[in-house]
């Protein structure tokens, strides 16, 4: 894992890259889950969406980290 990246003349933490990659992936998977009716079975859909984003972010982090 990189410690920091040079972004527009400033140093930014490397998890910013993972968030940037996780957001579009989450939006695609979220749209598929909504179309499939997954959220209708859950007690608190917004909480499930946050947990799902955390899972996507953590999965990217673990797959690409060293």
PDB file of N, CA and C in Angstrom:
ATOM      1  N   UNK A   1       0.839  -1.179   0.000  1.00  0.00           N
ATOM      2  CA  UNK A   1       0.000   0.000   0.000  1.00  0.00           C
ATOM      3  C   UNK A   1       0.884   1.241   0.000  1.00  0.00           C
ATOM      4  N   UNK A   2       0.505   2.206  -0.778  1.00  0.00           N
ATOM      5  CA  UNK A   2       1.207   3.481  -0.789  1.00  0.00           C
ATOM      6  C   UNK A   2       0.880   4.249   0.488  1.00  0.00           C
ATOM      7  N   UNK A   3       1.813   5.016   0.930  1.00  0.00           N
ATOM      8  CA  UNK A   3       1.554   5.813   2.128  1.00  0.00           C
ATOM      9  C   UNK A   3       0.832   7.107   1.794  1.00  0.00           C
ATOM     10  N   UNK A   4       1.252   7.754   0.716  1.00  0.00           N
ATOM     11  CA  UNK A   4       0.604   8.989   0.292  1.00  0.00           C
ATOM     12  C   UNK A   4       0.811   9.168  -1.202  1.00  0.00           C
ATOM     13  N   UNK A   5      -0.063   9.939  -1.828  1.00  0.00           N
ATOM     14  CA  UNK A   5       0.020  10.183  -3.262  1.00  0.00           C
ATOM     15  C   UNK A   5       0.087  11.680  -3.508  1.00  0.00           C
ATOM     16  N   UNK A   6       0.709  12.046  -4.593  1.00  0.00           N
ATOM     17  CA  UNK A   6       0.826  13.449  -4.979  1.00  0.00           C
ATOM     18  C   UNK A   6      -0.363  13.770  -5.880  1.00  0.00           C
ATOM     19  N   UNK A   7      -1.279  14.612  -5.419  1.00  0.00           N
ATOM     20  CA  UNK A   7      -2.520  14.892  -6.122  1.00  0.00           C
ATOM     21  C   UNK A   7      -2.729  16.397  -6.219  1.00  0.00           C
ATOM     22  N   UNK A   8      -2.618  16.930  -7.427  1.00  0.00           N
ATOM     23  CA  UNK A   8      -2.833  18.354  -7.684  1.00  0.00           C
ATOM     24  C   UNK A   8      -1.961  19.251  -6.806  1.00  0.00           C
ATOM     25  N   UNK A   9      -0.732  18.864  -6.631  1.00  0.00           N
ATOM     26  CA  UNK A   9       0.206  19.681  -5.879  1.00  0.00           C
ATOM     27  C   UNK A   9       0.148  19.500  -4.377  1.00  0.00           C
ATOM     28  N   UNK A  10      -0.613  18.537  -3.917  1.00  0.00           N
ATOM     29  CA  UNK A  10      -0.705  18.294  -2.480  1.00  0.00           C
ATOM     30  C   UNK A  10      -0.597  16.795  -2.229  1.00  0.00           C
ATOM     31  N   UNK A  11      -0.147  16.454  -1.053  1.00  0.00           N
ATOM     32  CA  UNK A  11      -0.072  15.055  -0.679  1.00  0.00           C
ATOM     33  C   UNK A  11      -1.402  14.625  -0.073  1.00  0.00           C
ATOM     34  N   UNK A  12      -1.912  13.491  -0.547  1.00  0.00           N
ATOM     35  CA  UNK A  12      -3.189  12.971  -0.060  1.00  0.00           C
ATOM     36  C   UNK A  12      -2.974  11.541   0.428  1.00  0.00           C
ATOM     37  N   UNK A  13      -3.751  11.105   1.403  1.00  0.00           N
ATOM     38  CA  UNK A  13      -3.599   9.736   1.890  1.00  0.00           C
ATOM     39  C   UNK A  13      -4.011   8.723   0.817  1.00  0.00           C
ATOM     40  N   UNK A  14      -3.358   7.578   0.803  1.00  0.00           N
ATOM     41  CA  UNK A  14      -3.631   6.582  -0.230  1.00  0.00           C
ATOM     42  C   UNK A  14      -5.034   5.977  -0.158  1.00  0.00           C
ATOM     43  N   UNK A  15      -5.688   5.887   0.995  1.00  0.00           N
ATOM     44  CA  UNK A  15      -7.063   5.374   0.974  1.00  0.00           C
ATOM     45  C   UNK A  15      -8.016   6.212   0.115  1.00  0.00           C
ATOM     46  N   UNK A  16      -7.601   7.429  -0.217  1.00  0.00           N
ATOM     47  CA  UNK A  16      -8.408   8.250  -1.112  1.00  0.00           C
ATOM     48  C   UNK A  16      -8.556   7.578  -2.477  1.00  0.00           C
ATOM     49  N   UNK A  17      -7.518   6.907  -2.942  1.00  0.00           N
ATOM     50  CA  UNK A  17      -7.603   6.153  -4.194  1.00  0.00           C
ATOM     51  C   UNK A  17      -8.614   5.013  -4.088  1.00  0.00           C
ATOM     52  N   UNK A  18      -8.607   4.344  -2.954  1.00  0.00           N
ATOM     53  CA  UNK A  18      -9.531   3.230  -2.761  1.00  0.00           C
ATOM     54  C   UNK A  18     -10.977   3.713  -2.695  1.00  0.00           C
ATOM     55  N   UNK A  19     -11.199   4.855  -2.068  1.00  0.00           N
ATOM     56  CA  UNK A  19     -12.549   5.419  -2.028  1.00  0.00           C
ATOM     57  C   UNK A  19     -12.984   5.812  -3.432  1.00  0.00           C
ATOM     58  N   UNK A  20     -12.068   6.395  -4.189  1.00  0.00           N
ATOM     59  CA  UNK A  20     -12.377   6.778  -5.567  1.00  0.00           C
ATOM     60  C   UNK A  20     -12.722   5.594  -6.443  1.00  0.00           C
ATOM     61  N   UNK A  21     -12.140   4.445  -6.175  1.00  0.00           N
ATOM     62  CA  UNK A  21     -12.460   3.239  -6.933  1.00  0.00           C
ATOM     63  C   UNK A  21     -13.695   2.536  -6.380  1.00  0.00           C
ATOM     64  N   UNK A  22     -13.927   2.648  -5.080  1.00  0.00           N
ATOM     65  CA  UNK A  22     -15.041   1.948  -4.449  1.00  0.00           C
ATOM     66  C   UNK A  22     -16.381   2.604  -4.753  1.00  0.00           C
ATOM     67  N   UNK A  23     -16.412   3.911  -4.908  1.00  0.00           N
ATOM     68  CA  UNK A  23     -17.685   4.606  -5.136  1.00  0.00           C
ATOM     69  C   UNK A  23     -18.355   4.173  -6.439  1.00  0.00           C
ATOM     70  N   UNK A  24     -17.675   4.195  -7.598  1.00  0.00           N
ATOM     71  CA  UNK A  24     -18.365   3.745  -8.817  1.00  0.00           C
ATOM     72  C   UNK A  24     -18.752   2.266  -8.765  1.00  0.00           C
ATOM     73  N   UNK A  25     -17.882   1.451  -8.178  1.00  0.00           N
ATOM     74  CA  UNK A  25     -18.202   0.028  -8.055  1.00  0.00           C
ATOM     75  C   UNK A  25     -19.417  -0.175  -7.152  1.00  0.00           C
ATOM     76  N   UNK A  26     -19.471   0.569  -6.051  1.00  0.00           N
ATOM     77  CA  UNK A  26     -20.618   0.482  -5.156  1.00  0.00           C
ATOM     78  C   UNK A  26     -21.900   0.938  -5.846  1.00  0.00           C
ATOM     79  N   UNK A  27     -21.832   2.014  -6.617  1.00  0.00           N
ATOM     80  CA  UNK A  27     -23.026   2.511  -7.292  1.00  0.00           C
ATOM     81  C   UNK A  27     -23.578   1.492  -8.282  1.00  0.00           C
ATOM     82  N   UNK A  28     -22.698   0.804  -8.986  1.00  0.00           N
ATOM     83  CA  UNK A  28     -23.147  -0.230  -9.921  1.00  0.00           C
ATOM     84  C   UNK A  28     -23.780  -1.391  -9.167  1.00  0.00           C
ATOM     85  N   UNK A  29     -23.105  -1.869  -8.119  1.00  0.00           N
ATOM     86  CA  UNK A  29     -23.641  -2.997  -7.353  1.00  0.00           C
ATOM     87  C   UNK A  29     -24.916  -2.616  -6.605  1.00  0.00           C
ATOM     88  N   UNK A  30     -25.002  -1.367  -6.158  1.00  0.00           N
ATOM     89  CA  UNK A  30     -26.202  -0.897  -5.469  1.00  0.00           C
ATOM     90  C   UNK A  30     -27.395  -0.861  -6.415  1.00  0.00           C
ATOM     91  N   UNK A  31     -27.164  -0.429  -7.632  1.00  0.00           N
ATOM     92  CA  UNK A  31     -28.238  -0.403  -8.624  1.00  0.00           C
ATOM     93  C   UNK A  31     -28.732  -1.817  -8.937  1.00  0.00           C
ATOM     94  N   UNK A  32     -27.813  -2.759  -9.015  1.00  0.00           N
ATOM     95  CA  UNK A  32     -28.191  -4.158  -9.247  1.00  0.00           C
ATOM     96  C   UNK A  32     -28.986  -4.701  -8.061  1.00  0.00           C
ATOM     97  N   UNK A  33     -28.558  -4.355  -6.852  1.00  0.00           N
ATOM     98  CA  UNK A  33     -29.269  -4.816  -5.651  1.00  0.00           C
ATOM     99  C   UNK A  33     -30.668  -4.210  -5.564  1.00  0.00           C
ATOM    100  N   UNK A  34     -30.806  -2.949  -5.945  1.00  0.00           N
ATOM    101  CA  UNK A  34     -32.136  -2.327  -5.934  1.00  0.00           C
ATOM    102  C   UNK A  34     -33.048  -2.967  -6.963  1.00  0.00           C
ATOM    103  N   UNK A  35     -32.504  -3.225  -8.151  1.00  0.00           N
ATOM    104  CA  UNK A  35     -33.318  -3.845  -9.200  1.00  0.00           C
ATOM    105  C   UNK A  35     -33.723  -5.260  -8.816  1.00  0.00           C
ATOM    106  N   UNK A  36     -32.868  -5.943  -8.073  1.00  0.00           N
ATOM    107  CA  UNK A  36     -33.174  -7.300  -7.637  1.00  0.00           C
ATOM    108  C   UNK A  36     -34.077  -7.359  -6.418  1.00  0.00           C
ATOM    109  N   UNK A  37     -34.356  -6.221  -5.807  1.00  0.00           N
ATOM    110  CA  UNK A  37     -35.246  -6.185  -4.653  1.00  0.00           C
ATOM    111  C   UNK A  37     -34.606  -6.651  -3.359  1.00  0.00           C
ATOM    112  N   UNK A  38     -33.295  -6.565  -3.276  1.00  0.00           N
ATOM    113  CA  UNK A  38     -32.590  -7.020  -2.078  1.00  0.00           C
ATOM    114  C   UNK A  38     -32.956  -6.162  -0.875  1.00  0.00           C
ATOM    115  N   UNK A  39     -33.084  -4.869  -1.080  1.00  0.00           N
ATOM    116  CA  UNK A  39     -33.327  -3.962   0.044  1.00  0.00           C
ATOM    117  C   UNK A  39     -34.734  -4.083   0.626  1.00  0.00           C
ATOM    118  N   UNK A  40     -35.647  -4.683  -0.071  1.00  0.00           N
ATOM    119  CA  UNK A  40     -36.998  -4.841   0.473  1.00  0.00           C
ATOM    120  C   UNK A  40     -37.044  -5.891   1.581  1.00  0.00           C
ATOM    121  N   UNK A  41     -36.024  -6.728   1.678  1.00  0.00           N
ATOM    122  CA  UNK A  41     -35.980  -7.763   2.715  1.00  0.00           C
ATOM    123  C   UNK A  41     -35.263  -7.307   3.977  1.00  0.00           C
ATOM    124  N   UNK A  42     -34.700  -6.112   3.955  1.00  0.00           N
ATOM    125  CA  UNK A  42     -33.884  -5.652   5.068  1.00  0.00           C
ATOM    126  C   UNK A  42     -34.647  -4.716   5.986  1.00  0.00           C
ATOM    127  N   UNK A  43     -34.274  -4.730   7.254  1.00  0.00           N
ATOM    128  CA  UNK A  43     -34.944  -3.917   8.252  1.00  0.00           C
ATOM    129  C   UNK A  43     -34.608  -2.436   8.081  1.00  0.00           C
ATOM    130  N   UNK A  44     -33.366  -2.114   7.800  1.00  0.00           N
ATOM    131  CA  UNK A  44     -32.923  -0.730   7.700  1.00  0.00           C
ATOM    132  C   UNK A  44     -32.055  -0.578   6.448  1.00  0.00           C
ATOM    133  N   UNK A  45     -32.670  -0.342   5.281  1.00  0.00           N
ATOM    134  CA  UNK A  45     -31.902  -0.282   4.027  1.00  0.00           C
ATOM    135  C   UNK A  45     -30.761   0.728   3.997  1.00  0.00           C
ATOM    136  N   UNK A  46     -30.908   1.959   4.542  1.00  0.00           N
ATOM    137  CA  UNK A  46     -29.752   2.874   4.507  1.00  0.00           C
ATOM    138  C   UNK A  46     -28.548   2.346   5.292  1.00  0.00           C
ATOM    139  N   UNK A  47     -28.808   1.704   6.408  1.00  0.00           N
ATOM    140  CA  UNK A  47     -27.719   1.121   7.189  1.00  0.00           C
ATOM    141  C   UNK A  47     -27.061  -0.023   6.416  1.00  0.00           C
ATOM    142  N   UNK A  48     -27.856  -0.797   5.714  1.00  0.00           N
ATOM    143  CA  UNK A  48     -27.322  -1.888   4.896  1.00  0.00           C
ATOM    144  C   UNK A  48     -26.485  -1.333   3.743  1.00  0.00           C
ATOM    145  N   UNK A  49     -26.901  -0.206   3.176  1.00  0.00           N
ATOM    146  CA  UNK A  49     -26.126   0.398   2.085  1.00  0.00           C
ATOM    147  C   UNK A  49     -24.770   0.889   2.580  1.00  0.00           C
ATOM    148  N   UNK A  50     -24.725   1.486   3.768  1.00  0.00           N
ATOM    149  CA  UNK A  50     -23.455   1.932   4.338  1.00  0.00           C
ATOM    150  C   UNK A  50     -22.551   0.728   4.603  1.00  0.00           C
ATOM    151  N   UNK A  51     -23.121  -0.322   5.177  1.00  0.00           N
ATOM    152  CA  UNK A  51     -22.335  -1.527   5.441  1.00  0.00           C
ATOM    153  C   UNK A  51     -21.844  -2.155   4.141  1.00  0.00           C
ATOM    154  N   UNK A  52     -22.650  -2.103   3.104  1.00  0.00           N
ATOM    155  CA  UNK A  52     -22.261  -2.645   1.810  1.00  0.00           C
ATOM    156  C   UNK A  52     -21.099  -1.840   1.215  1.00  0.00           C
ATOM    157  N   UNK A  53     -21.153  -0.519   1.360  1.00  0.00           N
ATOM    158  CA  UNK A  53     -20.040   0.312   0.888  1.00  0.00           C
ATOM    159  C   UNK A  53     -18.761  -0.004   1.650  1.00  0.00           C
ATOM    160  N   UNK A  54     -18.868  -0.170   2.946  1.00  0.00           N
ATOM    161  CA  UNK A  54     -17.691  -0.509   3.753  1.00  0.00           C
ATOM    162  C   UNK A  54     -17.114  -1.851   3.298  1.00  0.00           C
ATOM    163  N   UNK A  55     -17.979  -2.795   2.978  1.00  0.00           N
ATOM    164  CA  UNK A  55     -17.505  -4.095   2.481  1.00  0.00           C
ATOM    165  C   UNK A  55     -16.800  -3.957   1.136  1.00  0.00           C
ATOM    166  N   UNK A  56     -17.334  -3.148   0.244  1.00  0.00           N
ATOM    167  CA  UNK A  56     -16.700  -2.938  -1.056  1.00  0.00           C
ATOM    168  C   UNK A  56     -15.349  -2.250  -0.879  1.00  0.00           C
ATOM    169  N   UNK A  57     -15.297  -1.209  -0.066  1.00  0.00           N
ATOM    170  CA  UNK A  57     -14.054  -0.486   0.190  1.00  0.00           C
ATOM    171  C   UNK A  57     -13.003  -1.407   0.810  1.00  0.00           C
ATOM    172  N   UNK A  58     -13.402  -2.166   1.829  1.00  0.00           N
ATOM    173  CA  UNK A  58     -12.468  -3.062   2.502  1.00  0.00           C
ATOM    174  C   UNK A  58     -12.007  -4.171   1.559  1.00  0.00           C
ATOM    175  N   UNK A  59     -12.917  -4.665   0.734  1.00  0.00           N
ATOM    176  CA  UNK A  59     -12.527  -5.698  -0.224  1.00  0.00           C
ATOM    177  C   UNK A  59     -11.496  -5.205  -1.215  1.00  0.00           C
ATOM    178  N   UNK A  60     -11.682  -4.005  -1.731  1.00  0.00           N
ATOM    179  CA  UNK A  60     -10.671  -3.433  -2.627  1.00  0.00           C
ATOM    180  C   UNK A  60      -9.347  -3.233  -1.913  1.00  0.00           C
ATOM    181  N   UNK A  61      -9.419  -2.770  -0.711  1.00  0.00           N
ATOM    182  CA  UNK A  61      -8.214  -2.513   0.074  1.00  0.00           C
ATOM    183  C   UNK A  61      -7.439  -3.805   0.318  1.00  0.00           C
ATOM    184  N   UNK A  62      -8.155  -4.875   0.670  1.00  0.00           N
ATOM    185  CA  UNK A  62      -7.499  -6.145   0.954  1.00  0.00           C
ATOM    186  C   UNK A  62      -7.006  -6.843  -0.307  1.00  0.00           C
ATOM    187  N   UNK A  63      -7.734  -6.687  -1.410  1.00  0.00           N
ATOM    188  CA  UNK A  63      -7.318  -7.330  -2.657  1.00  0.00           C
ATOM    189  C   UNK A  63      -6.060  -6.691  -3.252  1.00  0.00           C
ATOM    190  N   UNK A  64      -5.924  -5.383  -3.093  1.00  0.00           N
ATOM    191  CA  UNK A  64      -4.810  -4.687  -3.727  1.00  0.00           C
ATOM    192  C   UNK A  64      -3.672  -4.373  -2.750  1.00  0.00           C
ATOM    193  N   UNK A  65      -3.918  -4.498  -1.457  1.00  0.00           N
ATOM    194  CA  UNK A  65      -2.878  -4.188  -0.476  1.00  0.00           C
ATOM    195  C   UNK A  65      -1.827  -5.279  -0.424  1.00  0.00           C
ATOM    196  N   UNK A  66      -0.680  -4.931   0.096  1.00  0.00           N
ATOM    197  CA  UNK A  66       0.411  -5.906   0.179  1.00  0.00           C
ATOM    198  C   UNK A  66       0.635  -6.332   1.605  1.00  0.00           C
TER     199      UNK A  66
END
